[in-house]
Protein backbone atom coordinates (compact mmCIF):
# COMPACT_ATOMS: atom_id res chain seq x y z
CA MET A 1 -163.87 -16.24 -27.12
CA THR A 2 -164.63 -17.16 -23.54
CA GLU A 3 -161.00 -16.79 -22.47
CA THR A 4 -159.77 -13.23 -22.12
CA ASN A 5 -156.16 -12.24 -21.76
CA ILE A 6 -156.08 -9.30 -19.41
CA LYS A 7 -152.66 -8.19 -18.30
CA THR A 8 -152.59 -6.30 -15.04
CA LYS A 9 -149.74 -4.01 -14.16
CA LYS A 10 -148.39 -4.09 -10.64
CA ILE A 11 -147.71 -0.73 -9.07
CA GLU A 12 -144.45 -0.60 -7.17
CA LYS A 13 -144.75 0.15 -3.47
CA GLU A 14 -142.17 2.95 -3.68
CA LYS A 15 -144.28 4.81 -6.24
CA VAL A 16 -147.37 4.55 -4.06
CA VAL A 17 -145.45 5.90 -1.06
CA ALA A 18 -143.96 8.73 -3.15
CA GLU A 19 -147.34 9.81 -4.50
CA THR A 20 -148.89 9.66 -1.03
CA LEU A 21 -146.14 11.86 0.41
CA ASN A 22 -146.42 14.24 -2.53
CA GLY A 23 -150.14 14.64 -1.93
CA ARG A 24 -149.68 15.22 1.78
CA PHE A 25 -147.02 17.88 1.24
CA ALA A 26 -149.26 19.55 -1.34
CA MET A 27 -152.06 19.72 1.21
CA ILE A 28 -149.67 21.21 3.79
CA GLY A 29 -148.62 23.82 1.22
CA LEU A 30 -152.24 24.66 0.48
CA ILE A 31 -153.04 25.10 4.17
CA ALA A 32 -149.92 27.27 4.59
CA ALA A 33 -150.96 29.45 1.64
CA ILE A 34 -154.46 29.88 3.04
CA GLY A 35 -153.03 30.70 6.48
CA ALA A 36 -150.64 33.27 5.01
CA TYR A 37 -153.46 34.87 3.05
CA LEU A 38 -155.74 35.05 6.06
CA THR A 39 -153.12 36.58 8.34
CA THR A 40 -151.37 38.98 5.93
CA GLY A 41 -153.77 39.45 3.02
CA GLN A 42 -151.04 38.39 0.59
CA ILE A 43 -150.55 34.99 -1.00
CA ILE A 44 -146.76 35.31 -0.82
CA PRO A 45 -145.87 37.68 2.05
CA GLY A 46 -143.17 40.14 1.05
CA PHE A 47 -143.98 40.32 -2.68
CA VAL A 48 -145.82 43.37 -3.93
């Protein structure tokens, strides 16, 4: 029982890059929503 068989999965580089970009664009969207709310008082300007 001293030998353990642990299989590790390799994460593809493309998936890491895609998730990083997704997170960055989400942060940009959040900053844009906060900026729109601070300047207009509405989360989505133009909607009632």
